[in-house]
Amino acid sequence: MPGPRRDRPAVLLLLGALLAADLYFHLWPRARRELAPSAPSCPCRLRSAPSAAPPPPPPPPPARAASSSSSSSASSSPLRRLFAHPLYRAAAPPGPAEPLLGAREALRYYRRKAARWNRRHKLYRQELNLTASAALLPLRPEASWLQFHLGISRDGLYPRSSPAVSRLLRDMHDFATISADYSQDEKALLGACDCSQIVKPSGVHLKLVLRFQDFGKAMFKPMRQKREEETPEDFFYFVDFQRHNAEIAAFHLDRILDFRRVPPTVGRLINVTKEILEVTRNEVLQSVFFVSPASNVCFFAKCPYMCKTEYAVCGNPHLLEGSLSAFLPSLNLAPRLSIPNPWIRSYSFDGKEEWEVNPLYCDTVREIYPYSSGNRLLNIVDMAIFDFLIGNMDRHHYEMFTKFGDDGFLLHLDNARGFGRHSHDEISILAPLSQCCVSDSSSGFFSRHQGEAHQFYRLNPILAALLLIHINQQLKVKLKRRGKKSCSSPWFLFRRSLTYFLAVPALRKPWGANCTLPIRLYYRI
């Protein structure tokens, strides 16, 4: 009988060591994670493991039951933790915020509008000999759209920690529509163009005004271009498609950058038959609905921009994806100025504007009021940075609330022509920045949180993966100060160009002696 093998204890020791290592490094951490109580994680822990594949998004909840499930998921979402960061909860400027609207005046005005709408709706039903009585449309002071209007101030369209915005996004997605109509600009142009002269669509321009059961209104822009499609190189910017997902992504980017100058925008699947055709009272809009050869319900604009059925948008067979942007207060309550952009582009095939050929154009602008004083020029630069990040070349005008005077913030409206080309950086958009100051940029911050925003706000994904890579490349930011050592941080967010910044350092380390304010955003152009 052979004796015991001398190497057996060594094998047992080796196996025991491997088992202990597996328990210590693998099983024990997993057990601790499973047994640990659920607690909100540090808002700075926003990085995901690069090797782990992202889990598939959960199926969207039913429309009417979405509020409870979405609120629970939003409470632990990276985007909400980001907005809970102390940098987003900075102290407000001293003194009371200057609101855009007076609460009593606004309530009086909207009550009159609601009463007038109810009277017109009653007369409309009488003309159609509809015997069933329709419920009157109430105006609730706690309605999210009204609270959004009352929350507009000199600081922005909404406060940093406004619960009304989250409620408004949910309401625009969930509430039933009670009316649909063309927008005012399309009504003004109705019949004014010669359809025989139109050879291609000028953008989408097919947008509708939808009113909801809480008397709120939103601008609906339908899906015209798939997320993976790029704008062709031969397209001029003024005939580019208008993308519904660009409106949604621009709102989230604007909020992350802490500008708060884009109206709240959400994605939604609209039933074009039940939520547009059956609720509209506009006979022209009713007349442009048809059924395609594929049995899909379609509609198109009546002549203003797209006269023919080949420019129509179609459901599948009834559902149509689109964006809903909240309306701003009525012009009767809050007048706005529409001002030409000093860096407006030439809307012709061969012309060029002065800023495109004169590198000293900014010196001329600085001599013109109101760009000669105040912060108007800085706001123009802010707008140029925002447009560069989204790739929008169509900023021919900007709007401002007249109540806030010349130093009020600029509204970043109509962003649907952004995110068109992920393979191209249009550096000319940064002309206000390059001609008026020194500048440079980069951080992969937006894509870390936009995925959660898309999941929470129902249309998933909003942007194609190539566009997210493109945004990360554009957002590679360095902080530089003239004559000082450059500073860098793994977490950076734009705050305001040229004067101060908003950053989230991962380890909460001090910036160092060389990083004193004011620090300028430095774009590599």
Protein backbone atom coordinates (compact mmCIF):
# COMPACT_ATOMS: atom_id res chain seq x y z
CA MET A 1 0.00 0.00 0.00
CA PRO A 2 1.56 3.30 -1.07
CA GLY A 3 2.21 5.89 1.58
CA PRO A 4 0.52 9.29 1.79
CA ARG A 5 1.48 11.77 -0.92
CA ARG A 6 3.59 14.61 0.41
CA ASP A 7 2.12 17.18 -2.02
CA ARG A 8 -1.49 16.65 -0.86
CA PRO A 9 -1.32 19.24 1.99
CA ALA A 10 0.08 21.81 -0.42
CA VAL A 11 -2.79 21.21 -2.84
CA LEU A 12 -5.31 21.52 -0.02
CA LEU A 13 -3.70 24.75 1.17
CA LEU A 14 -3.80 26.16 -2.36
CA LEU A 15 -7.47 25.27 -2.80
CA GLY A 16 -8.27 26.75 0.60
CA ALA A 17 -6.48 29.98 -0.30
CA LEU A 18 -8.38 30.23 -3.58
CA LEU A 19 -11.69 29.64 -1.80
CA ALA A 20 -10.88 32.25 0.84
CA ALA A 21 -9.93 34.77 -1.83
CA ASP A 22 -13.14 34.10 -3.71
CA LEU A 23 -15.18 34.53 -0.53
CA TYR A 24 -13.38 37.72 0.45
CA PHE A 25 -13.20 39.48 -2.90
CA HIS A 26 -16.36 38.24 -4.62
CA LEU A 27 -19.04 36.61 -2.48
CA TRP A 28 -18.66 38.75 0.65
CA PRO A 29 -18.94 42.16 -1.18
CA ARG A 30 -21.98 40.87 -3.05
CA ALA A 31 -23.59 39.71 0.20
CA ARG A 32 -22.87 43.09 1.80
CA ARG A 33 -24.52 44.89 -1.14
CA GLU A 34 -27.56 42.64 -0.92
CA LEU A 35 -27.93 43.01 2.86
CA ALA A 36 -27.12 46.72 3.03
CA PRO A 37 -30.19 48.98 3.49
CA SER A 38 -31.14 51.02 0.45
CA ALA A 39 -29.84 54.54 0.95
CA PRO A 40 -29.28 57.37 -1.47
CA SER A 41 -25.75 57.25 -2.76
CA CYS A 42 -23.39 60.16 -2.85
CA PRO A 43 -24.38 62.54 -5.64
CA CYS A 44 -20.79 62.64 -6.79
CA ARG A 45 -20.72 58.90 -7.52
CA LEU A 46 -21.99 59.25 -11.02
CA ARG A 47 -19.57 57.05 -12.93
CA SER A 48 -20.65 53.70 -14.30
CA ALA A 49 -18.36 50.70 -14.79
CA PRO A 50 -16.95 50.83 -18.32
CA SER A 51 -16.86 47.06 -18.71
CA ALA A 52 -20.39 46.36 -17.57
CA ALA A 53 -23.02 46.55 -20.23
CA PRO A 54 -25.91 48.87 -19.35
CA PRO A 55 -29.05 47.00 -18.33
CA PRO A 56 -31.92 47.11 -20.79
CA PRO A 57 -34.41 49.88 -20.03
CA PRO A 58 -37.59 48.71 -18.30
CA PRO A 59 -40.75 48.77 -20.36
CA PRO A 60 -42.61 52.09 -20.09
CA PRO A 61 -45.50 52.00 -17.61
CA PRO A 62 -49.07 52.60 -18.71
CA ALA A 63 -49.82 56.24 -19.38
CA ARG A 64 -52.29 56.73 -16.54
CA ALA A 65 -50.28 54.81 -13.96
CA ALA A 66 -46.96 56.32 -14.92
CA SER A 67 -46.78 59.00 -12.25
CA SER A 68 -46.30 56.66 -9.28
CA SER A 69 -43.71 54.42 -10.90
CA SER A 70 -41.83 57.29 -12.52
CA SER A 71 -41.63 59.21 -9.26
CA SER A 72 -40.10 56.22 -7.47
CA SER A 73 -37.53 55.64 -10.23
CA ALA A 74 -36.73 59.34 -10.46
CA SER A 75 -35.95 59.58 -6.75
CA SER A 76 -32.84 57.40 -7.18
CA SER A 77 -31.91 58.41 -10.71
CA PRO A 78 -28.47 59.87 -11.53
CA LEU A 79 -30.08 62.94 -13.06
CA ARG A 80 -32.06 63.69 -9.91
CA ARG A 81 -28.98 63.10 -7.77
CA LEU A 82 -27.12 65.51 -10.02
CA PHE A 83 -29.74 68.21 -9.50
CA ALA A 84 -29.63 67.49 -5.76
CA HIS A 85 -25.93 68.34 -5.73
CA PRO A 86 -25.09 71.45 -3.65
CA LEU A 87 -23.82 73.21 -6.77
CA TYR A 88 -27.35 73.11 -8.17
CA ARG A 89 -28.69 74.32 -4.85
CA ALA A 90 -26.52 77.39 -4.60
CA ALA A 91 -27.90 80.30 -2.67
CA ALA A 92 -30.20 82.53 -4.66
CA PRO A 93 -29.16 86.13 -5.32
CA PRO A 94 -29.91 88.44 -2.40
CA GLY A 95 -33.36 89.95 -2.37
CA PRO A 96 -36.65 88.56 -3.61
CA ALA A 97 -36.75 87.08 -7.10
CA GLU A 98 -38.44 89.32 -9.65
CA PRO A 99 -41.33 87.28 -11.06
CA LEU A 100 -42.52 87.69 -14.61
CA LEU A 101 -46.22 87.53 -13.74
CA GLY A 102 -48.38 88.71 -10.90
CA ALA A 103 -50.38 85.80 -9.51
CA ARG A 104 -53.70 87.65 -9.26
CA GLU A 105 -53.45 89.23 -12.68
CA ALA A 106 -52.50 85.91 -14.29
CA LEU A 107 -55.34 84.01 -12.63
CA ARG A 108 -57.85 86.67 -13.70
CA TYR A 109 -56.61 86.58 -17.28
CA TYR A 110 -56.61 82.79 -17.59
CA ARG A 111 -60.04 82.50 -15.98
CA ARG A 112 -61.40 84.82 -18.67
CA LYS A 113 -59.70 82.73 -21.34
CA ALA A 114 -61.13 79.50 -19.92
CA ALA A 115 -64.64 80.99 -19.79
CA ARG A 116 -64.33 82.22 -23.38
CA TRP A 117 -63.10 78.80 -24.53
CA ASN A 118 -66.05 77.10 -22.82
CA ARG A 119 -68.52 79.45 -24.52
CA ARG A 120 -66.99 78.86 -27.96
CA HIS A 121 -66.92 75.12 -27.40
CA LYS A 122 -70.60 75.16 -26.43
CA LEU A 123 -71.53 77.11 -29.57
CA TYR A 124 -69.46 74.73 -31.70
CA ARG A 125 -71.33 71.73 -30.31
CA GLN A 126 -74.65 73.46 -30.92
CA GLU A 127 -73.71 74.09 -34.56
CA LEU A 128 -72.99 70.38 -34.98
CA ASN A 129 -76.27 69.46 -33.22
CA LEU A 130 -74.43 67.47 -30.59
CA THR A 131 -76.99 66.77 -27.86
CA ALA A 132 -74.65 65.30 -25.25
CA SER A 133 -73.60 67.98 -22.82
CA ALA A 134 -69.88 68.57 -22.54
CA ALA A 135 -68.28 69.23 -19.18
CA LEU A 136 -66.98 72.73 -18.63
CA LEU A 137 -63.23 73.11 -18.70
CA PRO A 138 -62.10 74.18 -15.22
CA LEU A 139 -59.08 76.33 -14.45
CA ARG A 140 -57.25 74.94 -11.47
CA PRO A 141 -54.80 77.33 -9.77
CA GLU A 142 -52.62 74.35 -8.86
CA ALA A 143 -52.27 73.22 -12.49
CA SER A 144 -48.65 72.50 -13.34
CA TRP A 145 -48.58 74.72 -16.45
CA LEU A 146 -49.91 77.66 -14.42
CA GLN A 147 -47.36 77.08 -11.67
CA PHE A 148 -44.68 76.97 -14.36
CA HIS A 149 -45.82 80.36 -15.66
CA LEU A 150 -45.86 81.83 -12.17
CA GLY A 151 -42.36 80.48 -11.50
CA ILE A 152 -40.71 82.39 -14.36
CA SER A 153 -38.41 85.07 -12.98
CA ARG A 154 -35.44 87.18 -13.97
CA ASP A 155 -33.18 84.20 -13.16
CA GLY A 156 -34.70 81.82 -15.71
CA LEU A 157 -37.80 80.04 -16.92
CA TYR A 158 -37.96 77.98 -13.74
CA PRO A 159 -36.08 77.72 -10.43
CA ARG A 160 -33.41 75.08 -10.05
CA SER A 161 -35.50 73.02 -7.64
CA SER A 162 -38.92 73.56 -9.18
CA PRO A 163 -41.35 70.64 -8.63
CA ALA A 164 -43.69 72.25 -11.16
CA VAL A 165 -41.39 71.31 -14.06
CA SER A 166 -41.46 67.59 -13.22
CA ARG A 167 -45.22 67.71 -12.83
CA LEU A 168 -45.58 69.62 -16.08
CA LEU A 169 -43.55 67.03 -17.99
CA ARG A 170 -45.70 64.23 -16.61
CA ASP A 171 -48.93 66.08 -17.31
CA MET A 172 -47.98 66.86 -20.90
CA HIS A 173 -47.22 63.19 -21.41
CA ASP A 174 -50.29 61.76 -19.65
CA PHE A 175 -53.18 64.21 -19.98
CA ALA A 176 -55.80 63.77 -22.67
CA THR A 177 -55.99 66.38 -25.43
CA ILE A 178 -59.22 68.32 -25.84
CA SER A 179 -58.34 70.43 -28.89
CA ALA A 180 -55.78 70.63 -31.70
CA ASP A 181 -55.05 73.43 -34.14
CA TYR A 182 -52.39 74.93 -36.37
CA SER A 183 -49.95 77.34 -34.76
CA GLN A 184 -50.48 81.06 -35.24
CA ASP A 185 -47.64 81.47 -37.73
CA GLU A 186 -49.03 78.71 -39.93
CA LYS A 187 -52.47 80.28 -39.75
CA ALA A 188 -50.99 83.59 -40.86
CA LEU A 189 -49.32 81.94 -43.84
CA LEU A 190 -52.26 79.70 -44.74
CA GLY A 191 -52.94 80.13 -48.44
CA ALA A 192 -50.25 82.81 -48.82
CA CYS A 193 -47.77 80.62 -50.67
CA ASP A 194 -47.86 79.17 -54.13
CA CYS A 195 -47.75 75.40 -53.75
CA SER A 196 -46.72 74.95 -57.38
CA GLN A 197 -43.44 76.75 -56.64
CA ILE A 198 -42.43 74.54 -53.72
CA VAL A 199 -40.01 71.84 -54.78
CA LYS A 200 -38.82 70.58 -51.42
CA PRO A 201 -39.99 70.96 -47.83
CA SER A 202 -38.53 73.87 -45.90
CA GLY A 203 -37.83 71.96 -42.74
CA VAL A 204 -40.70 70.28 -41.00
CA HIS A 205 -42.78 73.28 -40.01
CA LEU A 206 -45.66 70.91 -39.45
CA LYS A 207 -46.44 71.74 -35.87
CA LEU A 208 -49.70 71.76 -33.98
CA VAL A 209 -50.96 73.38 -30.81
CA LEU A 210 -52.51 70.82 -28.47
CA ARG A 211 -54.62 71.77 -25.47
CA PHE A 212 -54.96 69.40 -22.54
CA GLN A 213 -57.69 68.65 -20.05
CA ASP A 214 -56.14 71.02 -17.50
CA PHE A 215 -56.31 73.93 -20.02
CA GLY A 216 -52.56 73.79 -20.58
CA LYS A 217 -51.11 74.08 -24.09
CA ALA A 218 -48.08 72.59 -25.81
CA MET A 219 -46.47 72.76 -29.24
CA PHE A 220 -46.42 69.36 -30.92
CA LYS A 221 -43.66 68.63 -33.44
CA PRO A 222 -43.95 65.22 -35.11
CA MET A 223 -41.14 62.82 -35.87
CA ARG A 224 -39.79 63.36 -39.39
CA GLN A 225 -36.30 61.88 -39.24
CA LYS A 226 -35.00 58.70 -37.64
CA ARG A 227 -32.46 59.04 -34.87
CA GLU A 228 -29.73 57.27 -36.83
CA GLU A 229 -30.10 59.49 -39.90
CA GLU A 230 -27.80 62.42 -40.53
CA THR A 231 -28.66 65.59 -42.36
CA PRO A 232 -27.17 65.28 -45.87
CA GLU A 233 -24.07 67.38 -46.49
CA ASP A 234 -25.70 69.13 -49.43
CA PHE A 235 -28.58 70.46 -47.32
CA PHE A 236 -28.57 74.16 -46.47
CA TYR A 237 -29.28 74.88 -42.82
CA PHE A 238 -32.48 76.74 -43.71
CA VAL A 239 -33.97 73.67 -45.41
CA ASP A 240 -32.80 71.19 -42.79
CA PHE A 241 -35.27 68.86 -41.13
CA GLN A 242 -36.73 69.80 -37.79
CA ARG A 243 -36.22 66.94 -35.37
CA HIS A 244 -38.58 66.35 -32.49
CA ASN A 245 -35.91 64.57 -30.47
CA ALA A 246 -33.62 67.60 -30.83
CA GLU A 247 -36.21 69.69 -28.97
CA ILE A 248 -36.30 67.16 -26.12
CA ALA A 249 -32.54 66.74 -25.88
CA ALA A 250 -31.99 70.52 -26.03
CA PHE A 251 -34.26 70.98 -23.01
CA HIS A 252 -32.33 68.43 -20.94
CA LEU A 253 -28.95 69.82 -22.02
CA ASP A 254 -30.10 73.36 -21.21
CA ARG A 255 -31.19 72.22 -17.75
CA ILE A 256 -27.90 70.39 -17.07
CA LEU A 257 -25.96 73.46 -18.16
CA ASP A 258 -28.12 75.43 -15.70
CA PHE A 259 -29.22 77.98 -18.29
CA ARG A 260 -32.95 77.22 -17.77
CA ARG A 261 -33.87 79.09 -20.94
CA VAL A 262 -35.58 76.29 -22.91
CA PRO A 263 -39.27 75.60 -22.16
CA PRO A 264 -39.95 72.16 -20.64
CA THR A 265 -40.21 69.57 -23.41
CA VAL A 266 -41.24 65.93 -23.29
CA GLY A 267 -41.71 63.13 -25.79
CA ARG A 268 -45.04 61.44 -26.36
CA LEU A 269 -46.78 58.98 -28.66
CA ILE A 270 -49.87 60.75 -30.02
CA ASN A 271 -52.87 58.94 -31.45
CA VAL A 272 -53.40 61.18 -34.48
CA THR A 273 -56.99 60.00 -34.92
CA LYS A 274 -58.30 60.32 -31.37
CA GLU A 275 -56.05 63.08 -30.06
CA ILE A 276 -55.89 65.34 -33.14
CA LEU A 277 -58.51 64.60 -35.79
CA GLU A 278 -61.42 63.92 -33.44
CA VAL A 279 -60.78 66.93 -31.19
CA THR A 280 -59.88 69.64 -33.72
CA ARG A 281 -62.42 72.24 -34.80
CA ASN A 282 -60.25 73.53 -37.63
CA GLU A 283 -61.84 72.42 -40.90
CA VAL A 284 -58.59 72.95 -42.80
CA LEU A 285 -56.76 70.62 -40.45
CA GLN A 286 -59.54 68.07 -40.74
CA SER A 287 -59.29 68.17 -44.53
CA VAL A 288 -55.61 67.20 -44.69
CA PHE A 289 -56.02 63.80 -43.01
CA PHE A 290 -55.90 60.74 -45.23
CA VAL A 291 -55.10 57.02 -45.09
CA SER A 292 -51.89 55.96 -46.80
CA PRO A 293 -51.55 52.84 -48.99
CA ALA A 294 -50.00 51.14 -45.94
CA SER A 295 -53.24 51.84 -43.99
CA ASN A 296 -51.56 54.44 -41.79
CA VAL A 297 -53.36 57.64 -40.82
CA CYS A 298 -51.45 60.67 -42.14
CA PHE A 299 -51.82 64.44 -42.31
CA PHE A 300 -49.86 67.33 -43.79
CA ALA A 301 -49.71 71.11 -43.71
CA LYS A 302 -52.12 72.92 -45.99
CA CYS A 303 -49.76 74.81 -48.30
CA PRO A 304 -47.64 77.01 -46.02
CA TYR A 305 -44.55 74.84 -46.36
CA MET A 306 -45.45 71.33 -47.45
CA CYS A 307 -48.35 71.25 -49.88
CA LYS A 308 -48.23 67.65 -50.98
CA THR A 309 -49.02 64.31 -49.45
CA GLU A 310 -45.43 63.10 -49.88
CA TYR A 311 -44.48 65.58 -47.15
CA ALA A 312 -47.08 64.22 -44.76
CA VAL A 313 -46.42 62.62 -41.39
CA CYS A 314 -48.03 59.27 -40.69
CA GLY A 315 -48.94 57.24 -37.65
CA ASN A 316 -48.22 53.56 -37.24
CA PRO A 317 -51.08 53.10 -37.96
CA HIS A 318 -52.45 55.75 -35.58
CA LEU A 319 -49.57 56.38 -33.14
CA LEU A 320 -47.10 59.13 -34.04
CA GLU A 321 -44.03 60.03 -32.02
CA GLY A 322 -43.35 63.68 -31.35
CA SER A 323 -42.23 66.34 -28.89
CA LEU A 324 -44.42 68.54 -26.72
CA SER A 325 -42.99 71.91 -25.65
CA ALA A 326 -44.80 73.87 -22.96
CA PHE A 327 -46.22 77.22 -23.99
CA LEU A 328 -44.85 80.40 -22.46
CA PRO A 329 -47.26 82.95 -20.95
CA SER A 330 -49.53 84.77 -23.35
CA LEU A 331 -48.06 87.83 -25.06
CA ASN A 332 -50.90 89.86 -23.54
CA LEU A 333 -49.55 89.02 -20.09
CA ALA A 334 -45.83 88.88 -20.81
CA PRO A 335 -44.81 90.68 -24.02
CA ARG A 336 -41.66 89.45 -25.72
CA LEU A 337 -39.25 91.08 -28.14
CA SER A 338 -37.95 89.20 -31.18
CA ILE A 339 -34.51 90.60 -32.02
CA PRO A 340 -32.29 89.68 -34.99
CA ASN A 341 -29.16 87.82 -33.99
CA PRO A 342 -26.06 89.97 -34.73
CA TRP A 343 -24.44 86.77 -36.03
CA ILE A 344 -27.37 85.88 -38.27
CA ARG A 345 -26.52 83.73 -41.28
CA SER A 346 -27.24 84.50 -44.89
CA TYR A 347 -30.46 82.82 -45.97
CA SER A 348 -29.46 82.66 -49.61
CA PHE A 349 -27.52 80.16 -51.68
CA ASP A 350 -24.40 82.27 -52.31
CA GLY A 351 -24.45 85.28 -49.96
CA LYS A 352 -22.35 85.85 -46.85
CA GLU A 353 -22.92 88.06 -43.85
CA GLU A 354 -20.31 90.53 -42.63
CA TRP A 355 -19.28 88.43 -39.62
CA GLU A 356 -18.35 85.57 -41.98
CA VAL A 357 -15.74 87.68 -43.80
CA ASN A 358 -14.69 90.22 -41.16
CA PRO A 359 -12.77 88.75 -38.17
CA LEU A 360 -13.08 92.11 -36.36
CA TYR A 361 -16.86 92.12 -36.64
CA CYS A 362 -17.26 91.95 -32.86
CA ASP A 363 -15.65 95.39 -32.50
CA THR A 364 -18.51 96.79 -34.56
CA VAL A 365 -21.10 94.97 -32.46
CA ARG A 366 -19.58 96.28 -29.22
CA GLU A 367 -20.28 99.84 -30.34
CA ILE A 368 -24.01 99.20 -30.84
CA TYR A 369 -26.49 99.44 -28.00
CA PRO A 370 -27.36 97.22 -26.10
CA TYR A 371 -24.21 95.18 -26.82
CA SER A 372 -22.02 98.08 -25.72
CA SER A 373 -23.00 97.65 -22.06
CA GLY A 374 -24.66 95.19 -19.73
CA ASN A 375 -24.60 91.44 -20.21
CA ARG A 376 -26.37 91.16 -23.56
CA LEU A 377 -23.17 90.22 -25.40
CA LEU A 378 -22.34 87.59 -22.78
CA ASN A 379 -25.81 86.13 -23.22
CA ILE A 380 -25.21 85.98 -26.97
CA VAL A 381 -22.00 84.04 -26.30
CA ASP A 382 -23.92 81.70 -23.97
CA MET A 383 -26.41 81.10 -26.74
CA ALA A 384 -23.61 80.43 -29.24
CA ILE A 385 -22.05 77.84 -26.92
CA PHE A 386 -25.42 76.15 -26.51
CA ASP A 387 -26.05 76.16 -30.26
CA PHE A 388 -22.58 74.73 -30.92
CA LEU A 389 -23.19 71.84 -28.55
CA ILE A 390 -26.47 70.96 -30.25
CA GLY A 391 -25.27 71.84 -33.76
CA ASN A 392 -27.95 74.46 -34.43
CA MET A 393 -27.07 76.85 -37.27
CA ASP A 394 -30.55 78.39 -37.54
CA ARG A 395 -30.50 80.96 -34.71
CA HIS A 396 -31.60 83.93 -36.79
CA HIS A 397 -33.54 85.66 -33.97
CA TYR A 398 -33.70 85.52 -30.21
CA GLU A 399 -36.50 86.53 -27.87
CA MET A 400 -36.59 88.31 -24.52
CA PHE A 401 -39.27 89.25 -22.02
CA THR A 402 -39.71 93.02 -22.15
CA LYS A 403 -40.38 93.23 -18.40
CA PHE A 404 -36.79 92.36 -17.53
CA GLY A 405 -35.30 95.07 -19.73
CA ASP A 406 -32.07 94.94 -21.68
CA ASP A 407 -30.29 92.72 -19.15
CA GLY A 408 -32.90 89.97 -19.17
CA PHE A 409 -32.02 86.44 -20.24
CA LEU A 410 -32.40 85.24 -23.81
CA LEU A 411 -34.92 82.52 -24.61
CA HIS A 412 -33.44 79.48 -26.37
CA LEU A 413 -36.48 78.62 -28.50
CA ASP A 414 -36.85 76.47 -31.63
CA ASN A 415 -33.99 73.99 -31.26
CA ALA A 416 -35.40 71.38 -33.64
CA ARG A 417 -32.64 71.88 -36.20
CA GLY A 418 -30.01 70.73 -33.75
CA PHE A 419 -28.34 67.32 -33.50
CA GLY A 420 -28.42 66.87 -37.26
CA ARG A 421 -24.82 65.81 -37.97
CA HIS A 422 -22.86 63.79 -35.44
CA SER A 423 -19.84 63.55 -37.77
CA HIS A 424 -19.29 67.29 -38.15
CA ASP A 425 -18.42 70.17 -35.83
CA GLU A 426 -19.68 73.49 -37.19
CA ILE A 427 -17.08 75.78 -35.66
CA SER A 428 -18.62 78.88 -37.26
CA ILE A 429 -21.43 78.68 -34.69
CA LEU A 430 -18.85 79.80 -32.12
CA ALA A 431 -18.12 83.03 -34.01
CA PRO A 432 -19.42 85.25 -31.16
CA LEU A 433 -17.04 83.46 -28.81
CA SER A 434 -13.99 83.43 -31.08
CA GLN A 435 -14.42 87.02 -32.29
CA CYS A 436 -15.20 88.57 -28.91
CA CYS A 437 -12.94 86.67 -26.48
CA VAL A 438 -10.50 83.81 -25.93
CA SER A 439 -12.01 80.36 -25.41
CA ASP A 440 -11.92 76.36 -25.28
CA SER A 441 -14.05 73.26 -24.15
CA SER A 442 -14.55 69.52 -23.08
CA SER A 443 -16.39 67.02 -20.74
CA GLY A 444 -18.31 63.85 -21.29
CA PHE A 445 -20.95 64.85 -18.80
CA PHE A 446 -24.17 65.07 -20.78
CA SER A 447 -24.37 61.44 -21.89
CA ARG A 448 -23.94 60.19 -18.33
CA HIS A 449 -27.33 61.62 -17.41
CA GLN A 450 -29.28 62.02 -20.61
CA GLY A 451 -29.97 58.27 -20.75
CA GLU A 452 -31.80 58.44 -17.43
CA ALA A 453 -33.69 61.50 -18.55
CA HIS A 454 -34.86 59.69 -21.66
CA GLN A 455 -35.97 56.65 -19.68
CA PHE A 456 -37.89 58.80 -17.23
CA TYR A 457 -39.55 60.88 -19.91
CA ARG A 458 -40.79 57.99 -21.99
CA LEU A 459 -39.24 58.24 -25.47
CA ASN A 460 -36.11 56.12 -25.26
CA PRO A 461 -33.57 56.84 -26.59
CA ILE A 462 -33.84 60.50 -27.54
CA LEU A 463 -30.49 60.68 -29.35
CA ALA A 464 -28.60 58.06 -31.29
CA ALA A 465 -25.39 56.68 -29.80
CA LEU A 466 -23.21 58.43 -32.38
CA LEU A 467 -24.69 61.78 -31.37
CA LEU A 468 -23.83 61.10 -27.71
CA ILE A 469 -20.22 60.37 -28.67
CA HIS A 470 -20.21 63.59 -30.66
CA ILE A 471 -21.51 65.63 -27.71
CA ASN A 472 -18.88 64.13 -25.41
CA GLN A 473 -16.18 65.17 -27.87
CA GLN A 474 -17.60 68.68 -28.02
CA LEU A 475 -17.80 68.91 -24.23
CA LYS A 476 -14.09 68.21 -23.59
CA VAL A 477 -13.46 71.24 -21.44
CA LYS A 478 -10.35 72.72 -19.93
CA LEU A 479 -10.41 75.61 -17.54
CA LYS A 480 -7.78 78.17 -18.37
CA ARG A 481 -6.96 81.53 -17.00
CA ARG A 482 -4.71 84.03 -18.69
CA GLY A 483 -1.21 83.90 -17.28
CA LYS A 484 -2.06 81.09 -14.85
CA LYS A 485 -1.57 77.34 -14.86
CA SER A 486 -4.44 75.48 -16.51
CA CYS A 487 -6.87 73.59 -14.27
CA SER A 488 -8.76 70.44 -15.03
CA SER A 489 -11.40 68.31 -13.33
CA PRO A 490 -13.01 64.98 -14.22
CA TRP A 491 -16.43 66.53 -13.72
CA PHE A 492 -17.26 69.79 -15.41
CA LEU A 493 -20.47 71.60 -16.27
CA PHE A 494 -20.87 74.86 -18.10
CA ARG A 495 -22.37 77.62 -15.98
CA ARG A 496 -21.76 80.95 -17.60
CA SER A 497 -19.15 81.68 -20.19
CA LEU A 498 -16.32 84.16 -19.50
CA THR A 499 -17.10 85.04 -15.89
CA TYR A 500 -17.62 82.01 -13.67
CA PHE A 501 -18.18 78.28 -13.92
CA LEU A 502 -20.06 75.36 -12.41
CA ALA A 503 -18.06 72.17 -11.81
CA VAL A 504 -18.51 68.88 -9.94
CA PRO A 505 -15.10 67.55 -8.85
CA ALA A 506 -15.31 63.80 -8.34
CA LEU A 507 -13.27 63.70 -5.12
CA ARG A 508 -14.31 67.13 -3.79
CA LYS A 509 -10.70 68.28 -3.79
CA PRO A 510 -9.84 71.98 -3.78
CA TRP A 511 -8.95 73.48 -7.10
CA GLY A 512 -5.63 74.82 -5.88
CA ALA A 513 -4.02 78.22 -5.63
CA ASN A 514 -3.70 78.71 -9.37
CA CYS A 515 -7.43 78.24 -9.98
CA THR A 516 -8.73 81.45 -8.52
CA LEU A 517 -11.71 83.23 -10.03
CA PRO A 518 -12.44 84.57 -12.55
CA ILE A 519 -11.73 81.52 -14.70
CA ARG A 520 -12.59 81.63 -18.37
CA LEU A 521 -13.93 78.86 -20.52
CA TYR A 522 -11.28 78.31 -23.14
CA TYR A 523 -12.45 76.80 -26.45
CA ARG A 524 -9.89 75.29 -28.78
CA ILE A 525 -11.05 76.71 -32.09
